[in-house]
PDB file of N, CA and C in Angstrom:
ATOM      1  N   MET A   1       1.126  -1.455   0.083  1.00  0.00           N
ATOM      2  CA  MET A   1       0.179  -0.022   0.172  1.00  0.00           C
ATOM      3  C   MET A   1       1.292   1.138  -0.296  1.00  0.00           C
ATOM      4  N   LYS A   2      -0.106   2.083  -0.913  1.00  0.00           N
ATOM      5  CA  LYS A   2       0.791   3.878  -0.307  1.00  0.00           C
ATOM      6  C   LYS A   2       0.405   4.565   0.490  1.00  0.00           C
ATOM      7  N   ILE A   3       1.225   4.305   1.695  1.00  0.00           N
ATOM      8  CA  ILE A   3       0.718   5.631   2.717  1.00  0.00           C
ATOM      9  C   ILE A   3       0.929   6.075   3.306  1.00  0.00           C
ATOM     10  N   GLY A   4       0.078   7.217   3.496  1.00  0.00           N
ATOM     11  CA  GLY A   4       0.745   8.907   3.712  1.00  0.00           C
ATOM     12  C   GLY A   4       0.670   9.118   5.213  1.00  0.00           C
ATOM     13  N   ILE A   5       1.741   9.188   6.170  1.00  0.00           N
ATOM     14  CA  ILE A   5       1.949  10.000   6.940  1.00  0.00           C
ATOM     15  C   ILE A   5       2.011  11.553   7.743  1.00  0.00           C
ATOM     16  N   VAL A   6       0.722  11.315   9.037  1.00  0.00           N
ATOM     17  CA  VAL A   6       0.515  12.384   9.028  1.00  0.00           C
ATOM     18  C   VAL A   6       0.197  12.294   9.870  1.00  0.00           C
ATOM     19  N   GLY A   7       0.157  14.075  10.893  1.00  0.00           N
ATOM     20  CA  GLY A   7       0.296  14.218  12.664  1.00  0.00           C
ATOM     21  C   GLY A   7       1.373  15.503  12.856  1.00  0.00           C
ATOM     22  N   SER A   8       1.039  16.315  14.233  1.00  0.00           N
ATOM     23  CA  SER A   8       1.589  16.986  14.551  1.00  0.00           C
ATOM     24  C   SER A   8       2.770  17.211  13.600  1.00  0.00           C
ATOM     25  N   MET A   9       4.239  18.423  13.185  1.00  0.00           N
ATOM     26  CA  MET A   9       5.302  17.954  13.082  1.00  0.00           C
ATOM     27  C   MET A   9       6.435  17.897  14.190  1.00  0.00           C
ATOM     28  N   GLN A  10       5.606  18.459  15.444  1.00  0.00           N
ATOM     29  CA  GLN A  10       6.546  17.807  16.666  1.00  0.00           C
ATOM     30  C   GLN A  10       6.834  16.858  16.863  1.00  0.00           C
ATOM     31  N   PHE A  11       6.351  15.668  15.990  1.00  0.00           N
ATOM     32  CA  PHE A  11       6.817  14.671  16.645  1.00  0.00           C
ATOM     33  C   PHE A  11       7.390  14.027  14.651  1.00  0.00           C
ATOM     34  N   ALA A  12       7.996  15.127  13.882  1.00  0.00           N
ATOM     35  CA  ALA A  12       8.765  14.140  12.999  1.00  0.00           C
ATOM     36  C   ALA A  12      10.205  13.516  13.102  1.00  0.00           C
ATOM     37  N   GLU A  13      10.736  13.068  14.242  1.00  0.00           N
ATOM     38  CA  GLU A  13      11.215  11.914  13.895  1.00  0.00           C
ATOM     39  C   GLU A  13      10.253  10.952  13.822  1.00  0.00           C
ATOM     40  N   GLN A  14       9.906  10.349  15.086  1.00  0.00           N
ATOM     41  CA  GLN A  14       8.322   9.236  15.418  1.00  0.00           C
ATOM     42  C   GLN A  14       8.085   8.950  13.263  1.00  0.00           C
ATOM     43  N   MET A  15       7.804   9.875  12.849  1.00  0.00           N
ATOM     44  CA  MET A  15       6.670  10.183  11.627  1.00  0.00           C
ATOM     45  C   MET A  15       8.317   9.393  10.705  1.00  0.00           C
ATOM     46  N   LEU A  16       9.317   9.200  11.055  1.00  0.00           N
ATOM     47  CA  LEU A  16      10.287   8.721   9.850  1.00  0.00           C
ATOM     48  C   LEU A  16      10.890   6.961  10.035  1.00  0.00           C
ATOM     49  N   GLU A  17      10.126   7.090  11.822  1.00  0.00           N
ATOM     50  CA  GLU A  17      10.596   5.954  11.866  1.00  0.00           C
ATOM     51  C   GLU A  17       9.698   5.261  11.647  1.00  0.00           C
ATOM     52  N   MET A  18       8.502   5.882  11.880  1.00  0.00           N
ATOM     53  CA  MET A  18       7.112   4.772  11.148  1.00  0.00           C
ATOM     54  C   MET A  18       7.197   4.710   9.742  1.00  0.00           C
ATOM     55  N   LYS A  19       8.175   5.449   9.141  1.00  0.00           N
ATOM     56  CA  LYS A  19       8.304   4.881   7.182  1.00  0.00           C
ATOM     57  C   LYS A  19       8.833   4.085   7.077  1.00  0.00           C
ATOM     58  N   GLU A  20      10.117   3.559   7.865  1.00  0.00           N
ATOM     59  CA  GLU A  20      11.111   3.244   7.532  1.00  0.00           C
ATOM     60  C   GLU A  20      10.318   1.541   8.602  1.00  0.00           C
ATOM     61  N   LYS A  21       9.805   1.514   9.270  1.00  0.00           N
ATOM     62  CA  LYS A  21       8.437  -0.023  10.116  1.00  0.00           C
ATOM     63  C   LYS A  21       7.802  -0.267   8.991  1.00  0.00           C
ATOM     64  N   LEU A  22       7.478   0.944   8.082  1.00  0.00           N
ATOM     65  CA  LEU A  22       6.340   0.660   6.721  1.00  0.00           C
ATOM     66  C   LEU A  22       7.236   0.122   5.692  1.00  0.00           C
ATOM     67  N   ALA A  23       7.460   0.727   5.403  1.00  0.00           N
ATOM     68  CA  ALA A  23       8.975  -0.082   4.403  1.00  0.00           C
ATOM     69  C   ALA A  23       9.607  -0.772   4.827  1.00  0.00           C
ATOM     70  N   LYS A  24       9.546  -1.649   5.687  1.00  0.00           N
ATOM     71  CA  LYS A  24      10.300  -2.914   6.367  1.00  0.00           C
ATOM     72  C   LYS A  24       8.927  -4.113   5.481  1.00  0.00           C
ATOM     73  N   ASN A  25       7.740  -3.046   5.766  1.00  0.00           N
ATOM     74  CA  ASN A  25       6.545  -4.298   5.465  1.00  0.00           C
ATOM     75  C   ASN A  25       6.218  -4.504   4.484  1.00  0.00           C
ATOM     76  N   GLY A  26       7.131  -3.846   3.209  1.00  0.00           N
ATOM     77  CA  GLY A  26       6.184  -3.712   2.234  1.00  0.00           C
ATOM     78  C   GLY A  26       5.288  -2.599   1.518  1.00  0.00           C
ATOM     79  N   HIS A  27       5.142  -1.863   2.423  1.00  0.00           N
ATOM     80  CA  HIS A  27       4.693  -0.606   2.004  1.00  0.00           C
ATOM     81  C   HIS A  27       5.664   0.214   1.653  1.00  0.00           C
ATOM     82  N   GLN A  28       4.657   1.576   0.483  1.00  0.00           N
ATOM     83  CA  GLN A  28       5.450   2.661  -0.311  1.00  0.00           C
ATOM     84  C   GLN A  28       4.605   3.595   0.991  1.00  0.00           C
ATOM     85  N   ALA A  29       5.709   4.452   2.197  1.00  0.00           N
ATOM     86  CA  ALA A  29       5.771   5.483   3.096  1.00  0.00           C
ATOM     87  C   ALA A  29       5.882   6.723   2.389  1.00  0.00           C
ATOM     88  N   PHE A  30       5.596   7.397   2.738  1.00  0.00           N
ATOM     89  CA  PHE A  30       5.682   8.785   2.540  1.00  0.00           C
ATOM     90  C   PHE A  30       5.623   9.551   3.793  1.00  0.00           C
ATOM     91  N   LEU A  31       5.842  11.113   3.880  1.00  0.00           N
ATOM     92  CA  LEU A  31       6.011  12.203   4.651  1.00  0.00           C
ATOM     93  C   LEU A  31       6.262  13.433   3.724  1.00  0.00           C
ATOM     94  N   THR A  32       5.464  13.946   4.808  1.00  0.00           N
ATOM     95  CA  THR A  32       5.977  15.487   3.693  1.00  0.00           C
ATOM     96  C   THR A  32       7.609  16.205   3.570  1.00  0.00           C
ATOM     97  N   ASP A  33       7.701  16.664   2.796  1.00  0.00           N
ATOM     98  CA  ASP A  33       9.136  17.226   2.481  1.00  0.00           C
ATOM     99  C   ASP A  33       9.533  17.799   3.698  1.00  0.00           C
ATOM    100  N   LEU A  34       8.743  18.209   4.064  1.00  0.00           N
ATOM    101  CA  LEU A  34       9.265  20.210   4.948  1.00  0.00           C
ATOM    102  C   LEU A  34       9.482  19.043   6.171  1.00  0.00           C
ATOM    103  N   HIS A  35       9.617  18.070   6.647  1.00  0.00           N
ATOM    104  CA  HIS A  35      10.283  17.169   7.982  1.00  0.00           C
ATOM    105  C   HIS A  35      11.792  16.735   8.449  1.00  0.00           C
ATOM    106  N   LYS A  36      11.814  17.685   6.578  1.00  0.00           N
ATOM    107  CA  LYS A  36      13.895  17.636   7.038  1.00  0.00           C
ATOM    108  C   LYS A  36      14.155  18.361   8.129  1.00  0.00           C
ATOM    109  N   GLY A  37      13.354  19.357   8.188  1.00  0.00           N
ATOM    110  CA  GLY A  37      13.969  21.424   9.196  1.00  0.00           C
ATOM    111  C   GLY A  37      13.880  20.641  10.625  1.00  0.00           C
ATOM    112  N   PHE A  38      12.782  19.627  10.662  1.00  0.00           N
ATOM    113  CA  PHE A  38      12.139  19.568  12.651  1.00  0.00           C
ATOM    114  C   PHE A  38      13.470  18.474  13.365  1.00  0.00           C
ATOM    115  N   HIS A  39      14.140  17.499  12.746  1.00  0.00           N
ATOM    116  CA  HIS A  39      15.315  16.643  13.237  1.00  0.00           C
ATOM    117  C   HIS A  39      16.192  17.543  13.995  1.00  0.00           C
ATOM    118  N   GLY A  40      15.746  17.448  15.495  1.00  0.00           N
ATOM    119  CA  GLY A  40      16.832  17.786  16.387  1.00  0.00           C
ATOM    120  C   GLY A  40      16.855  19.058  16.910  1.00  0.00           C
ATOM    121  N   LYS A  41      15.721  19.687  17.275  1.00  0.00           N
ATOM    122  CA  LYS A  41      15.318  20.385  17.401  1.00  0.00           C
ATOM    123  C   LYS A  41      14.537  20.550  18.600  1.00  0.00           C
ATOM    124  N   THR A  42      14.575  21.379  18.927  1.00  0.00           N
ATOM    125  CA  THR A  42      14.101  21.837  21.070  1.00  0.00           C
ATOM    126  C   THR A  42      12.399  21.774  20.391  1.00  0.00           C
ATOM    127  N   ASP A  43      11.170  21.822  21.401  1.00  0.00           N
ATOM    128  CA  ASP A  43       9.355  21.373  20.672  1.00  0.00           C
ATOM    129  C   ASP A  43       9.620  23.673  20.591  1.00  0.00           C
ATOM    130  N   THR A  44      10.335  24.697  21.237  1.00  0.00           N
ATOM    131  CA  THR A  44       9.805  25.637  20.930  1.00  0.00           C
ATOM    132  C   THR A  44      10.414  26.130  19.788  1.00  0.00           C
ATOM    133  N   GLU A  45      12.001  25.424  19.170  1.00  0.00           N
ATOM    134  CA  GLU A  45      12.198  25.663  18.145  1.00  0.00           C
ATOM    135  C   GLU A  45      11.316  24.899  16.846  1.00  0.00           C
ATOM    136  N   LYS A  46      10.758  23.814  16.389  1.00  0.00           N
ATOM    137  CA  LYS A  46      10.174  23.149  16.419  1.00  0.00           C
ATOM    138  C   LYS A  46       8.318  23.806  15.453  1.00  0.00           C
ATOM    139  N   GLU A  47       7.711  24.174  16.864  1.00  0.00           N
ATOM    140  CA  GLU A  47       6.915  25.021  16.814  1.00  0.00           C
ATOM    141  C   GLU A  47       6.913  26.309  16.336  1.00  0.00           C
ATOM    142  N   HIS A  48       8.047  26.959  15.642  1.00  0.00           N
ATOM    143  CA  HIS A  48       8.759  28.282  15.222  1.00  0.00           C
ATOM    144  C   HIS A  48       8.256  27.212  13.796  1.00  0.00           C
ATOM    145  N   LEU A  49       9.006  26.511  13.190  1.00  0.00           N
ATOM    146  CA  LEU A  49       9.288  26.480  12.252  1.00  0.00           C
ATOM    147  C   LEU A  49       8.049  25.874  11.592  1.00  0.00           C
ATOM    148  N   LYS A  50       7.156  25.208  12.749  1.00  0.00           N
ATOM    149  CA  LYS A  50       6.065  24.437  12.057  1.00  0.00           C
ATOM    150  C   LYS A  50       5.168  26.292  11.590  1.00  0.00           C
ATOM    151  N   LEU A  51       5.224  26.911  12.619  1.00  0.00           N
ATOM    152  CA  LEU A  51       4.277  28.861  12.027  1.00  0.00           C
ATOM    153  C   LEU A  51       4.692  28.929  10.670  1.00  0.00           C
ATOM    154  N   LYS A  52       6.023  29.080  10.156  1.00  0.00           N
ATOM    155  CA  LYS A  52       7.021  29.955   9.322  1.00  0.00           C
ATOM    156  C   LYS A  52       6.741  28.663   7.839  1.00  0.00           C
ATOM    157  N   GLN A  53       6.210  27.714   7.989  1.00  0.00           N
ATOM    158  CA  GLN A  53       5.850  26.416   6.910  1.00  0.00           C
ATOM    159  C   GLN A  53       4.385  26.697   6.462  1.00  0.00           C
ATOM    160  N   LYS A  54       3.663  26.837   7.272  1.00  0.00           N
ATOM    161  CA  LYS A  54       2.562  27.058   7.195  1.00  0.00           C
ATOM    162  C   LYS A  54       2.135  27.907   6.056  1.00  0.00           C
ATOM    163  N   TYR A  55       2.402  29.226   6.682  1.00  0.00           N
ATOM    164  CA  TYR A  55       2.747  30.618   6.387  1.00  0.00           C
ATOM    165  C   TYR A  55       3.421  30.730   5.229  1.00  0.00           C
ATOM    166  N   ASN A  56       4.099  30.463   4.521  1.00  0.00           N
ATOM    167  CA  ASN A  56       5.075  30.691   3.858  1.00  0.00           C
ATOM    168  C   ASN A  56       5.887  29.282   2.321  1.00  0.00           C
ATOM    169  N   ASN A  57       5.318  28.146   3.042  1.00  0.00           N
ATOM    170  CA  ASN A  57       6.163  26.809   1.846  1.00  0.00           C
ATOM    171  C   ASN A  57       4.669  26.437   1.264  1.00  0.00           C
ATOM    172  N   ASP A  58       3.299  26.484   2.205  1.00  0.00           N
ATOM    173  CA  ASP A  58       1.936  26.413   1.754  1.00  0.00           C
ATOM    174  C   ASP A  58       1.927  24.856   2.233  1.00  0.00           C
ATOM    175  N   ALA A  59       2.109  24.282   3.566  1.00  0.00           N
ATOM    176  CA  ALA A  59       2.510  23.008   3.612  1.00  0.00           C
ATOM    177  C   ALA A  59       1.096  22.492   2.902  1.00  0.00           C
ATOM    178  N   ILE A  60       0.316  22.735   3.760  1.00  0.00           N
ATOM    179  CA  ILE A  60      -1.497  22.078   3.095  1.00  0.00           C
ATOM    180  C   ILE A  60      -1.472  21.571   1.890  1.00  0.00           C
ATOM    181  N   ARG A  61      -1.190  22.241   0.659  1.00  0.00           N
ATOM    182  CA  ARG A  61      -1.061  21.717  -0.845  1.00  0.00           C
ATOM    183  C   ARG A  61      -0.299  20.777  -0.751  1.00  0.00           C
ATOM    184  N   GLU A  62       0.534  21.242  -0.628  1.00  0.00           N
ATOM    185  CA  GLU A  62       2.136  20.339  -0.819  1.00  0.00           C
ATOM    186  C   GLU A  62       1.752  18.810  -0.230  1.00  0.00           C
ATOM    187  N   PHE A  63       1.407  18.776   0.854  1.00  0.00           N
ATOM    188  CA  PHE A  63       0.303  17.319   0.904  1.00  0.00           C
ATOM    189  C   PHE A  63      -0.669  16.817   0.452  1.00  0.00           C
ATOM    190  N   TRP A  64      -1.472  17.709  -0.019  1.00  0.00           N
ATOM    191  CA  TRP A  64      -2.870  17.131  -1.005  1.00  0.00           C
ATOM    192  C   TRP A  64      -2.275  16.330  -2.172  1.00  0.00           C
ATOM    193  N   ARG A  65      -1.276  17.223  -2.323  1.00  0.00           N
ATOM    194  CA  ARG A  65      -0.135  16.612  -3.880  1.00  0.00           C
ATOM    195  C   ARG A  65       0.070  15.506  -3.840  1.00  0.00           C
ATOM    196  N   ALA A  66       1.308  15.373  -2.491  1.00  0.00           N
ATOM    197  CA  ALA A  66       1.618  14.170  -2.608  1.00  0.00           C
ATOM    198  C   ALA A  66       0.784  12.840  -2.023  1.00  0.00           C
ATOM    199  N   MET A  67      -0.560  12.667  -1.083  1.00  0.00           N
ATOM    200  CA  MET A  67      -1.287  12.203  -0.867  1.00  0.00           C
ATOM    201  C   MET A  67      -1.875  11.696  -2.445  1.00  0.00           C
ATOM    202  N   GLN A  68      -2.427  12.246  -3.556  1.00  0.00           N
ATOM    203  CA  GLN A  68      -2.576  11.719  -4.561  1.00  0.00           C
ATOM    204  C   GLN A  68      -2.366  10.248  -4.816  1.00  0.00           C
ATOM    205  N   GLY A  69      -3.315   9.532  -5.456  1.00  0.00           N
ATOM    206  CA  GLY A  69      -2.902   8.165  -6.301  1.00  0.00           C
ATOM    207  C   GLY A  69      -2.387   7.335  -4.942  1.00  0.00           C
ATOM    208  N   ALA A  70      -2.469   7.638  -3.418  1.00  0.00           N
ATOM    209  CA  ALA A  70      -2.147   7.322  -1.742  1.00  0.00           C
ATOM    210  C   ALA A  70      -3.364   6.441  -1.714  1.00  0.00           C
ATOM    211  N   ASP A  71      -3.557   4.876  -1.094  1.00  0.00           N
ATOM    212  CA  ASP A  71      -4.351   4.021  -0.409  1.00  0.00           C
ATOM    213  C   ASP A  71      -4.953   4.923   0.640  1.00  0.00           C
ATOM    214  N   GLY A  72      -4.044   5.046   1.871  1.00  0.00           N
ATOM    215  CA  GLY A  72      -4.773   5.432   2.742  1.00  0.00           C
ATOM    216  C   GLY A  72      -3.537   6.575   3.548  1.00  0.00           C
ATOM    217  N   ILE A  73      -4.449   6.742   4.756  1.00  0.00           N
ATOM    218  CA  ILE A  73      -3.348   8.021   5.503  1.00  0.00           C
ATOM    219  C   ILE A  73      -2.912   6.804   7.306  1.00  0.00           C
ATOM    220  N   LEU A  74      -1.699   6.953   7.640  1.00  0.00           N
ATOM    221  CA  LEU A  74      -1.824   7.000   9.349  1.00  0.00           C
ATOM    222  C   LEU A  74      -1.591   8.223   9.718  1.00  0.00           C
ATOM    223  N   VAL A  75      -2.341   8.151  10.750  1.00  0.00           N
ATOM    224  CA  VAL A  75      -3.004   9.407  11.784  1.00  0.00           C
ATOM    225  C   VAL A  75      -1.936   8.660  12.674  1.00  0.00           C
ATOM    226  N   LEU A  76      -0.405   9.734  13.478  1.00  0.00           N
ATOM    227  CA  LEU A  76       0.230   9.208  14.388  1.00  0.00           C
ATOM    228  C   LEU A  76      -0.476  10.524  15.318  1.00  0.00           C
ATOM    229  N   ASN A  77      -0.852   9.736  16.145  1.00  0.00           N
ATOM    230  CA  ASN A  77      -2.034  11.021  17.282  1.00  0.00           C
ATOM    231  C   ASN A  77      -1.423  10.816  18.903  1.00  0.00           C
ATOM    232  N   TYR A  78       0.531  11.513  18.807  1.00  0.00           N
ATOM    233  CA  TYR A  78       0.635  10.980  20.150  1.00  0.00           C
ATOM    234  C   TYR A  78      -0.488  12.165  21.077  1.00  0.00           C
ATOM    235  N   ASP A  79       0.121  12.227  22.346  1.00  0.00           N
ATOM    236  CA  ASP A  79       0.005  12.738  23.261  1.00  0.00           C
ATOM    237  C   ASP A  79       1.139  14.263  23.207  1.00  0.00           C
ATOM    238  N   LYS A  80      -0.086  15.613  23.292  1.00  0.00           N
ATOM    239  CA  LYS A  80       0.695  17.330  23.059  1.00  0.00           C
ATOM    240  C   LYS A  80       0.004  17.725  23.860  1.00  0.00           C
ATOM    241  N   ASN A  81       1.089  18.743  24.925  1.00  0.00           N
ATOM    242  CA  ASN A  81       0.646  19.098  25.536  1.00  0.00           C
ATOM    243  C   ASN A  81      -0.469  19.215  25.764  1.00  0.00           C
ATOM    244  N   GLY A  82      -0.637  17.725  26.863  1.00  0.00           N
ATOM    245  CA  GLY A  82      -1.769  17.397  27.914  1.00  0.00           C
ATOM    246  C   GLY A  82      -2.620  17.292  27.083  1.00  0.00           C
ATOM    247  N   ILE A  83      -2.867  16.956  25.919  1.00  0.00           N
ATOM    248  CA  ILE A  83      -3.690  16.238  25.268  1.00  0.00           C
ATOM    249  C   ILE A  83      -3.467  15.279  24.846  1.00  0.00           C
ATOM    250  N   LYS A  84      -4.502  14.758  25.171  1.00  0.00           N
ATOM    251  CA  LYS A  84      -4.554  13.046  24.995  1.00  0.00           C
ATOM    252  C   LYS A  84      -4.493  12.062  23.372  1.00  0.00           C
ATOM    253  N   ASN A  85      -4.262  11.937  22.664  1.00  0.00           N
ATOM    254  CA  ASN A  85      -4.032  11.867  21.058  1.00  0.00           C
ATOM    255  C   ASN A  85      -4.720  12.760  20.194  1.00  0.00           C
ATOM    256  N   TYR A  86      -4.162  13.429  20.914  1.00  0.00           N
ATOM    257  CA  TYR A  86      -3.843  14.805  20.070  1.00  0.00           C
ATOM    258  C   TYR A  86      -3.569  15.138  18.467  1.00  0.00           C
ATOM    259  N   ILE A  87      -5.376  15.873  18.158  1.00  0.00           N
ATOM    260  CA  ILE A  87      -4.379  16.032  16.250  1.00  0.00           C
ATOM    261  C   ILE A  87      -5.152  17.586  16.127  1.00  0.00           C
ATOM    262  N   GLY A  88      -4.087  18.065  16.169  1.00  0.00           N
ATOM    263  CA  GLY A  88      -4.081  19.547  15.338  1.00  0.00           C
ATOM    264  C   GLY A  88      -5.500  19.700  13.700  1.00  0.00           C
ATOM    265  N   GLY A  89      -5.194  21.133  13.749  1.00  0.00           N
ATOM    266  CA  GLY A  89      -6.281  21.182  12.709  1.00  0.00           C
ATOM    267  C   GLY A  89      -5.448  20.699  10.945  1.00  0.00           C
ATOM    268  N   ASN A  90      -4.205  21.089  10.646  1.00  0.00           N
ATOM    269  CA  ASN A  90      -3.967  20.054   9.357  1.00  0.00           C
ATOM    270  C   ASN A  90      -3.432  19.324   9.823  1.00  0.00           C
ATOM    271  N   THR A  91      -3.878  18.079  10.071  1.00  0.00           N
ATOM    272  CA  THR A  91      -3.889  17.151  10.677  1.00  0.00           C
ATOM    273  C   THR A  91      -5.281  16.540   9.753  1.00  0.00           C
ATOM    274  N   PHE A  92      -6.628  17.017  10.604  1.00  0.00           N
ATOM    275  CA  PHE A  92      -7.125  16.880  10.272  1.00  0.00           C
ATOM    276  C   PHE A  92      -7.771  17.418   9.233  1.00  0.00           C
ATOM    277  N   LEU A  93      -7.298  18.484   8.524  1.00  0.00           N
ATOM    278  CA  LEU A  93      -7.602  17.923   7.365  1.00  0.00           C
ATOM    279  C   LEU A  93      -7.159  17.278   6.757  1.00  0.00           C
ATOM    280  N   GLU A  94      -5.971  16.898   6.925  1.00  0.00           N
ATOM    281  CA  GLU A  94      -5.313  15.821   6.067  1.00  0.00           C
ATOM    282  C   GLU A  94      -5.981  14.272   5.514  1.00  0.00           C
ATOM    283  N   MET A  95      -6.644  14.487   7.062  1.00  0.00           N
ATOM    284  CA  MET A  95      -8.281  12.929   7.728  1.00  0.00           C
ATOM    285  C   MET A  95      -9.300  13.691   6.120  1.00  0.00           C
ATOM    286  N   GLY A  96      -9.709  14.751   5.943  1.00  0.00           N
ATOM    287  CA  GLY A  96     -10.604  15.191   4.901  1.00  0.00           C
ATOM    288  C   GLY A  96     -10.357  15.019   3.770  1.00  0.00           C
ATOM    289  N   PHE A  97      -9.371  15.129   3.634  1.00  0.00           N
ATOM    290  CA  PHE A  97      -8.364  14.938   2.175  1.00  0.00           C
ATOM    291  C   PHE A  97      -8.425  13.650   2.538  1.00  0.00           C
ATOM    292  N   ALA A  98      -8.229  13.023   2.446  1.00  0.00           N
ATOM    293  CA  ALA A  98      -7.756  10.939   2.570  1.00  0.00           C
ATOM    294  C   ALA A  98      -9.720  10.694   2.651  1.00  0.00           C
ATOM    295  N   HIS A  99     -10.617  11.530   2.952  1.00  0.00           N
ATOM    296  CA  HIS A  99     -12.456  10.899   3.144  1.00  0.00           C
ATOM    297  C   HIS A  99     -12.713  11.214   1.421  1.00  0.00           C
ATOM    298  N   VAL A 100     -12.747  12.425   1.726  1.00  0.00           N
ATOM    299  CA  VAL A 100     -12.635  13.184  -0.309  1.00  0.00           C
ATOM    300  C   VAL A 100     -11.995  12.031  -1.387  1.00  0.00           C
ATOM    301  N   LEU A 101     -10.616  11.624  -1.039  1.00  0.00           N
ATOM    302  CA  LEU A 101     -10.008  11.107  -1.939  1.00  0.00           C
ATOM    303  C   LEU A 101     -10.038   9.142  -2.053  1.00  0.00           C
ATOM    304  N   ASN A 102     -11.455   8.983  -1.040  1.00  0.00           N
ATOM    305  CA  ASN A 102     -11.360   8.132  -0.699  1.00  0.00           C
ATOM    306  C   ASN A 102     -10.436   7.168  -0.381  1.00  0.00           C
ATOM    307  N   GLN A 103      -9.341   7.182   0.363  1.00  0.00           N
ATOM    308  CA  GLN A 103      -8.168   6.833   0.825  1.00  0.00           C
ATOM    309  C   GLN A 103      -8.837   6.217   2.257  1.00  0.00           C
ATOM    310  N   LYS A 104      -8.521   4.692   3.172  1.00  0.00           N
ATOM    311  CA  LYS A 104      -8.626   4.890   4.118  1.00  0.00           C
ATOM    312  C   LYS A 104      -7.414   5.269   5.507  1.00  0.00           C
ATOM    313  N   TYR A 105      -7.991   5.561   6.082  1.00  0.00           N
ATOM    314  CA  TYR A 105      -7.504   6.168   6.988  1.00  0.00           C
ATOM    315  C   TYR A 105      -7.376   5.140   8.336  1.00  0.00           C
ATOM    316  N   PHE A 106      -6.105   5.238   9.266  1.00  0.00           N
ATOM    317  CA  PHE A 106      -5.284   4.088  10.745  1.00  0.00           C
ATOM    318  C   PHE A 106      -4.938   5.490  11.422  1.00  0.00           C
ATOM    319  N   SER A 107      -5.025   4.814  12.750  1.00  0.00           N
ATOM    320  CA  SER A 107      -4.555   5.213  13.740  1.00  0.00           C
ATOM    321  C   SER A 107      -3.856   4.401  14.464  1.00  0.00           C
TER     322      SER A 107
END
């Protein structure tokens, strides 16, 4: 299956780990190319970078394009800021995209 990995960019490292696990199980997994800048950053630095990308790099449309032809998405909804199973605005939109594209979603 071709599976997009979505979630808070706060968890970019975990997203990359999951991509590798899915690949080992024969899946073609992908995540936004914007994840690269998040590795090794503090939570505060990640939050600033996330907002910059959201407004300057058209992050939502970038992932919409990547989702074309995928079979589904995997939502990594880890706890964040005291919220269990956190799903932010962008992740919610990406779940909606999967719905509109008739793709499966996994959590």
